[in-house]
Amino acid sequence: MTPLAHLLALPVRAYRLVASPWVGYGCRFQPTCSAYALEALERHGAAKGGWLAARRVCRCHPWGGHGFDPVPGSEQSPQD
């Protein structure tokens, strides 16, 4: 992970440590938005990973999508 990606991952890690236990589990997507953001930053770096993470968080609302949504370029495939 690039140094800038590490810097962008800090708020995500802080959210997972501090706020996530209080908010509870209610994510519409699999993997969760915070896990998606960390994986996108690790896999694609700060610019593209940050863009992918921001785009995913913007889709996470009651009228957005749901279901399995892996980071582009990951080896995960939908389970049948």
C-alpha atoms as a PDB file:
ATOM      1  CA  MET A   1       0.000   0.000   0.000  1.00  0.00           C
ATOM      2  CA  THR A   2       1.362   3.411  -0.902  1.00  0.00           C
ATOM      3  CA  PRO A   3       1.964   6.004   1.838  1.00  0.00           C
ATOM      4  CA  LEU A   4      -0.963   8.106   0.616  1.00  0.00           C
ATOM      5  CA  ALA A   5      -3.226   5.043   0.601  1.00  0.00           C
ATOM      6  CA  HIS A   6      -2.150   4.346   4.208  1.00  0.00           C
ATOM      7  CA  LEU A   7      -3.135   7.901   5.063  1.00  0.00           C
ATOM      8  CA  LEU A   8      -6.551   7.498   3.406  1.00  0.00           C
ATOM      9  CA  ALA A   9      -7.063   4.194   5.231  1.00  0.00           C
ATOM     10  CA  LEU A  10      -6.692   5.824   8.665  1.00  0.00           C
ATOM     11  CA  PRO A  11     -10.260   7.237   8.820  1.00  0.00           C
ATOM     12  CA  VAL A  12     -11.642   3.889   7.654  1.00  0.00           C
ATOM     13  CA  ARG A  13      -9.723   2.039  10.361  1.00  0.00           C
ATOM     14  CA  ALA A  14     -10.826   4.617  12.941  1.00  0.00           C
ATOM     15  CA  TYR A  15     -14.446   4.126  11.879  1.00  0.00           C
ATOM     16  CA  ARG A  16     -14.109   0.346  12.218  1.00  0.00           C
ATOM     17  CA  LEU A  17     -12.554   0.701  15.667  1.00  0.00           C
ATOM     18  CA  VAL A  18     -14.718   3.458  17.154  1.00  0.00           C
ATOM     19  CA  ALA A  19     -18.029   3.936  15.333  1.00  0.00           C
ATOM     20  CA  SER A  20     -18.773   0.543  13.796  1.00  0.00           C
ATOM     21  CA  PRO A  21     -19.510  -1.235  17.108  1.00  0.00           C
ATOM     22  CA  TRP A  22     -22.042   1.491  17.970  1.00  0.00           C
ATOM     23  CA  VAL A  23     -23.697   1.575  14.553  1.00  0.00           C
ATOM     24  CA  GLY A  24     -24.115  -2.178  14.358  1.00  0.00           C
ATOM     25  CA  TYR A  25     -24.190  -4.481  11.380  1.00  0.00           C
ATOM     26  CA  GLY A  26     -26.612  -3.358   8.737  1.00  0.00           C
ATOM     27  CA  CYS A  27     -24.562  -3.134   5.578  1.00  0.00           C
ATOM     28  CA  ARG A  28     -26.445  -3.705   2.337  1.00  0.00           C
ATOM     29  CA  PHE A  29     -23.367  -4.994   0.515  1.00  0.00           C
ATOM     30  CA  GLN A  30     -20.969  -7.859   0.916  1.00  0.00           C
ATOM     31  CA  PRO A  31     -18.110  -7.115   1.678  1.00  0.00           C
ATOM     32  CA  THR A  32     -18.973  -4.204   3.951  1.00  0.00           C
ATOM     33  CA  CYS A  33     -18.154  -0.694   2.791  1.00  0.00           C
ATOM     34  CA  SER A  34     -15.222  -0.362   5.194  1.00  0.00           C
ATOM     35  CA  ALA A  35     -13.732  -3.713   4.129  1.00  0.00           C
ATOM     36  CA  TYR A  36     -14.280  -2.714   0.491  1.00  0.00           C
ATOM     37  CA  ALA A  37     -12.509   0.613   1.057  1.00  0.00           C
ATOM     38  CA  LEU A  38      -9.490  -0.998   2.699  1.00  0.00           C
ATOM     39  CA  GLU A  39      -9.206  -3.622  -0.036  1.00  0.00           C
ATOM     40  CA  ALA A  40      -9.608  -1.019  -2.803  1.00  0.00           C
ATOM     41  CA  LEU A  41      -6.888   1.163  -1.271  1.00  0.00           C
ATOM     42  CA  GLU A  42      -4.570  -1.808  -0.890  1.00  0.00           C
ATOM     43  CA  ARG A  43      -5.215  -3.215  -4.363  1.00  0.00           C
ATOM     44  CA  HIS A  44      -5.441  -0.020  -6.441  1.00  0.00           C
ATOM     45  CA  GLY A  45      -3.603   2.674  -4.467  1.00  0.00           C
ATOM     46  CA  ALA A  46      -4.747   6.057  -3.223  1.00  0.00           C
ATOM     47  CA  ALA A  47      -6.232   7.639  -6.361  1.00  0.00           C
ATOM     48  CA  LYS A  48      -8.229   4.791  -7.910  1.00  0.00           C
ATOM     49  CA  GLY A  49      -8.825   3.005  -4.588  1.00  0.00           C
ATOM     50  CA  GLY A  50     -10.064   6.213  -2.995  1.00  0.00           C
ATOM     51  CA  TRP A  51     -12.367   6.830  -5.954  1.00  0.00           C
ATOM     52  CA  LEU A  52     -13.754   3.283  -5.786  1.00  0.00           C
ATOM     53  CA  ALA A  53     -14.302   3.563  -2.020  1.00  0.00           C
ATOM     54  CA  ALA A  54     -16.043   6.942  -2.307  1.00  0.00           C
ATOM     55  CA  ARG A  55     -18.247   5.651  -5.127  1.00  0.00           C
ATOM     56  CA  ARG A  56     -19.220   2.622  -3.037  1.00  0.00           C
ATOM     57  CA  VAL A  57     -20.065   4.713   0.041  1.00  0.00           C
ATOM     58  CA  CYS A  58     -22.242   6.974  -2.121  1.00  0.00           C
ATOM     59  CA  ARG A  59     -24.190   3.914  -3.322  1.00  0.00           C
ATOM     60  CA  CYS A  60     -24.825   2.776   0.264  1.00  0.00           C
ATOM     61  CA  HIS A  61     -28.237   4.286   0.952  1.00  0.00           C
ATOM     62  CA  PRO A  62     -31.782   2.878   1.237  1.00  0.00           C
ATOM     63  CA  TRP A  63     -32.484   3.362  -2.480  1.00  0.00           C
ATOM     64  CA  GLY A  64     -29.091   2.074  -3.626  1.00  0.00           C
ATOM     65  CA  GLY A  65     -28.086  -1.430  -4.534  1.00  0.00           C
ATOM     66  CA  HIS A  66     -27.390  -4.437  -2.357  1.00  0.00           C
ATOM     67  CA  GLY A  67     -25.750  -7.843  -2.523  1.00  0.00           C
ATOM     68  CA  PHE A  68     -22.304  -9.101  -3.471  1.00  0.00           C
ATOM     69  CA  ASP A  69     -20.100  -6.301  -4.802  1.00  0.00           C
ATOM     70  CA  PRO A  70     -16.366  -7.148  -4.815  1.00  0.00           C
ATOM     71  CA  VAL A  71     -13.538  -4.731  -5.552  1.00  0.00           C
ATOM     72  CA  PRO A  72     -12.752  -4.746  -9.290  1.00  0.00           C
ATOM     73  CA  GLY A  73      -9.749  -6.973  -9.975  1.00  0.00           C
ATOM     74  CA  SER A  74     -10.218  -9.162  -6.914  1.00  0.00           C
ATOM     75  CA  GLU A  75     -10.090 -12.929  -7.145  1.00  0.00           C
ATOM     76  CA  GLN A  76     -13.428 -13.329  -5.386  1.00  0.00           C
ATOM     77  CA  SER A  77     -16.264 -14.651  -7.464  1.00  0.00           C
ATOM     78  CA  PRO A  78     -19.953 -14.940  -6.628  1.00  0.00           C
ATOM     79  CA  GLN A  79     -20.817 -18.192  -4.928  1.00  0.00           C
ATOM     80  CA  ASP A  80     -23.474 -20.190  -6.694  1.00  0.00           C
END
